[in-house]
Amino acid sequence: MAWQIQQKRVTIVGGDSGHAASIDVVFPFPGARRIVQALSAISSFNIKFQDGDKHFSECGLDLDSRVESSGSVWAVRVTGTAGLRDSGGFDDKYDGHVTITVFADVES
């Protein structure tokens, strides 16, 4: 078994009426017989309010990883949420990006 690493930069758009941004990314591992286990990590991120510079009260990023297979194709699906709020709550629009790194233990 061998560890393989992939990275993707994902755009975040969200933030009005209390809704968190949703991220759903598939990392395919072509040629893999099976993915034994996988984990994901946030490598970097940049989130900002769309309507200018202001103080923020809370910033949250959360990822969940799961191994999927469809026939002979193995992949890791990463689902995440992002939220940014000021002292008034989640009522301001925000955007940005997050770079996700996936580590997969792949049977070759």
C-alpha atoms as a PDB file:
ATOM      1  CA  MET A   1       0.000   0.000   0.000  1.00  0.00           C
ATOM      2  CA  ALA A   2       1.121   3.521  -0.733  1.00  0.00           C
ATOM      3  CA  TRP A   3       0.001   6.948   0.367  1.00  0.00           C
ATOM      4  CA  GLN A   4      -1.068   9.324  -2.390  1.00  0.00           C
ATOM      5  CA  ILE A   5      -1.649  13.029  -1.895  1.00  0.00           C
ATOM      6  CA  GLN A   6      -3.865  15.398  -3.882  1.00  0.00           C
ATOM      7  CA  GLN A   7      -4.687  19.076  -3.400  1.00  0.00           C
ATOM      8  CA  LYS A   8      -7.528  21.229  -4.717  1.00  0.00           C
ATOM      9  CA  ARG A   9      -8.426  24.868  -4.256  1.00  0.00           C
ATOM     10  CA  VAL A  10     -12.165  25.384  -3.818  1.00  0.00           C
ATOM     11  CA  THR A  11     -14.109  28.634  -4.081  1.00  0.00           C
ATOM     12  CA  ILE A  12     -16.381  29.531  -1.169  1.00  0.00           C
ATOM     13  CA  VAL A  13     -19.504  31.597  -1.720  1.00  0.00           C
ATOM     14  CA  GLY A  14     -22.001  32.027   1.050  1.00  0.00           C
ATOM     15  CA  GLY A  15     -23.057  33.943   4.004  1.00  0.00           C
ATOM     16  CA  ASP A  16     -26.448  35.520   3.915  1.00  0.00           C
ATOM     17  CA  SER A  17     -29.429  34.705   6.122  1.00  0.00           C
ATOM     18  CA  GLY A  18     -27.380  32.468   8.402  1.00  0.00           C
ATOM     19  CA  HIS A  19     -26.422  29.868   5.801  1.00  0.00           C
ATOM     20  CA  ALA A  20     -22.950  28.385   5.779  1.00  0.00           C
ATOM     21  CA  ALA A  21     -21.153  27.786   2.497  1.00  0.00           C
ATOM     22  CA  SER A  22     -21.144  24.155   1.375  1.00  0.00           C
ATOM     23  CA  ILE A  23     -18.143  22.456  -0.215  1.00  0.00           C
ATOM     24  CA  ASP A  24     -18.411  19.066  -1.950  1.00  0.00           C
ATOM     25  CA  VAL A  25     -15.322  17.909  -3.871  1.00  0.00           C
ATOM     26  CA  VAL A  26     -14.414  14.499  -5.317  1.00  0.00           C
ATOM     27  CA  PHE A  27     -10.745  13.484  -5.498  1.00  0.00           C
ATOM     28  CA  PRO A  28     -10.423  10.591  -8.004  1.00  0.00           C
ATOM     29  CA  PHE A  29      -7.541   8.137  -7.675  1.00  0.00           C
ATOM     30  CA  PRO A  30      -7.234   6.511 -11.118  1.00  0.00           C
ATOM     31  CA  GLY A  31      -5.625   3.102 -11.265  1.00  0.00           C
ATOM     32  CA  ALA A  32      -6.161   2.387  -7.572  1.00  0.00           C
ATOM     33  CA  ARG A  33      -7.446  -1.059  -6.706  1.00  0.00           C
ATOM     34  CA  ARG A  34      -8.894   0.171  -3.432  1.00  0.00           C
ATOM     35  CA  ILE A  35      -8.576   3.116  -1.064  1.00  0.00           C
ATOM     36  CA  VAL A  36      -8.050   1.624   2.375  1.00  0.00           C
ATOM     37  CA  GLN A  37      -8.371   4.867   4.327  1.00  0.00           C
ATOM     38  CA  ALA A  38      -8.275   8.597   3.684  1.00  0.00           C
ATOM     39  CA  LEU A  39      -8.198  11.863   5.524  1.00  0.00           C
ATOM     40  CA  SER A  40      -8.482  15.483   4.515  1.00  0.00           C
ATOM     41  CA  ALA A  41      -6.919  18.640   5.874  1.00  0.00           C
ATOM     42  CA  ILE A  42      -7.224  22.362   5.319  1.00  0.00           C
ATOM     43  CA  SER A  43      -3.916  23.536   3.850  1.00  0.00           C
ATOM     44  CA  SER A  44      -4.838  27.210   3.590  1.00  0.00           C
ATOM     45  CA  PHE A  45      -7.850  29.471   3.398  1.00  0.00           C
ATOM     46  CA  ASN A  46      -8.850  33.059   2.761  1.00  0.00           C
ATOM     47  CA  ILE A  47     -12.355  34.234   3.601  1.00  0.00           C
ATOM     48  CA  LYS A  48     -13.515  37.847   3.499  1.00  0.00           C
ATOM     49  CA  PHE A  49     -16.683  39.882   3.748  1.00  0.00           C
ATOM     50  CA  GLN A  50     -17.945  40.987   0.327  1.00  0.00           C
ATOM     51  CA  ASP A  51     -18.940  44.474   1.457  1.00  0.00           C
ATOM     52  CA  GLY A  52     -15.579  45.627   2.766  1.00  0.00           C
ATOM     53  CA  ASP A  53     -13.316  45.395   5.751  1.00  0.00           C
ATOM     54  CA  LYS A  54     -14.963  44.781   9.131  1.00  0.00           C
ATOM     55  CA  HIS A  55     -14.243  42.989  12.351  1.00  0.00           C
ATOM     56  CA  PHE A  56     -15.332  39.397  12.582  1.00  0.00           C
ATOM     57  CA  SER A  57     -16.584  37.506  15.585  1.00  0.00           C
ATOM     58  CA  GLU A  58     -16.356  33.920  14.370  1.00  0.00           C
ATOM     59  CA  CYS A  59     -14.822  31.971  11.499  1.00  0.00           C
ATOM     60  CA  GLY A  60     -15.465  28.267  11.095  1.00  0.00           C
ATOM     61  CA  LEU A  61     -14.276  25.622   8.638  1.00  0.00           C
ATOM     62  CA  ASP A  62     -15.204  21.962   8.896  1.00  0.00           C
ATOM     63  CA  LEU A  63     -14.383  18.992   6.620  1.00  0.00           C
ATOM     64  CA  ASP A  64     -15.697  15.446   6.438  1.00  0.00           C
ATOM     65  CA  SER A  65     -14.071  12.792   4.213  1.00  0.00           C
ATOM     66  CA  ARG A  66     -15.423   9.483   2.987  1.00  0.00           C
ATOM     67  CA  VAL A  67     -14.139   6.860   0.569  1.00  0.00           C
ATOM     68  CA  GLU A  68     -16.417   6.042  -2.372  1.00  0.00           C
ATOM     69  CA  SER A  69     -16.246   3.539  -5.195  1.00  0.00           C
ATOM     70  CA  SER A  70     -18.211   3.186  -8.384  1.00  0.00           C
ATOM     71  CA  GLY A  71     -17.223   0.088 -10.283  1.00  0.00           C
ATOM     72  CA  SER A  72     -13.450   0.176 -10.525  1.00  0.00           C
ATOM     73  CA  VAL A  73     -13.127   3.925  -9.805  1.00  0.00           C
ATOM     74  CA  TRP A  74     -12.120   4.900  -6.278  1.00  0.00           C
ATOM     75  CA  ALA A  75     -12.421   8.427  -4.917  1.00  0.00           C
ATOM     76  CA  VAL A  76     -12.467  10.446  -1.728  1.00  0.00           C
ATOM     77  CA  ARG A  77     -15.456  12.781  -1.315  1.00  0.00           C
ATOM     78  CA  VAL A  78     -14.801  15.786   0.898  1.00  0.00           C
ATOM     79  CA  THR A  79     -17.791  17.718   2.185  1.00  0.00           C
ATOM     80  CA  GLY A  80     -17.290  20.862   4.172  1.00  0.00           C
ATOM     81  CA  THR A  81     -18.889  23.964   5.568  1.00  0.00           C
ATOM     82  CA  ALA A  82     -17.523  27.444   6.027  1.00  0.00           C
ATOM     83  CA  GLY A  83     -18.941  30.306   8.020  1.00  0.00           C
ATOM     84  CA  LEU A  84     -17.904  33.882   8.760  1.00  0.00           C
ATOM     85  CA  ARG A  85     -19.807  36.278  10.964  1.00  0.00           C
ATOM     86  CA  ASP A  86     -19.414  39.645  12.549  1.00  0.00           C
ATOM     87  CA  SER A  87     -20.850  40.639  15.919  1.00  0.00           C
ATOM     88  CA  GLY A  88     -24.316  40.909  14.364  1.00  0.00           C
ATOM     89  CA  GLY A  89     -24.531  37.260  13.310  1.00  0.00           C
ATOM     90  CA  PHE A  90     -24.416  35.427   9.983  1.00  0.00           C
ATOM     91  CA  ASP A  91     -26.136  38.216   8.066  1.00  0.00           C
ATOM     92  CA  ASP A  92     -23.297  39.427   5.828  1.00  0.00           C
ATOM     93  CA  LYS A  93     -22.203  37.924   2.526  1.00  0.00           C
ATOM     94  CA  TYR A  94     -18.693  36.517   2.307  1.00  0.00           C
ATOM     95  CA  ASP A  95     -16.538  34.641  -0.161  1.00  0.00           C
ATOM     96  CA  GLY A  96     -13.052  33.253  -0.506  1.00  0.00           C
ATOM     97  CA  HIS A  97     -11.246  29.982  -1.071  1.00  0.00           C
ATOM     98  CA  VAL A  98      -9.945  26.992   0.810  1.00  0.00           C
ATOM     99  CA  THR A  99      -7.172  24.621  -0.273  1.00  0.00           C
ATOM    100  CA  ILE A 100      -7.919  21.033   0.712  1.00  0.00           C
ATOM    101  CA  THR A 101      -5.292  18.286   0.869  1.00  0.00           C
ATOM    102  CA  VAL A 102      -6.386  14.643   0.746  1.00  0.00           C
ATOM    103  CA  PHE A 103      -4.156  11.798   1.930  1.00  0.00           C
ATOM    104  CA  ALA A 104      -5.260   8.381   0.695  1.00  0.00           C
ATOM    105  CA  ASP A 105      -3.804   4.965   1.549  1.00  0.00           C
ATOM    106  CA  VAL A 106      -4.124   3.278  -1.846  1.00  0.00           C
ATOM    107  CA  GLU A 107      -3.731  -0.369  -2.781  1.00  0.00           C
ATOM    108  CA  SER A 108      -1.718  -0.520  -5.996  1.00  0.00           C
END
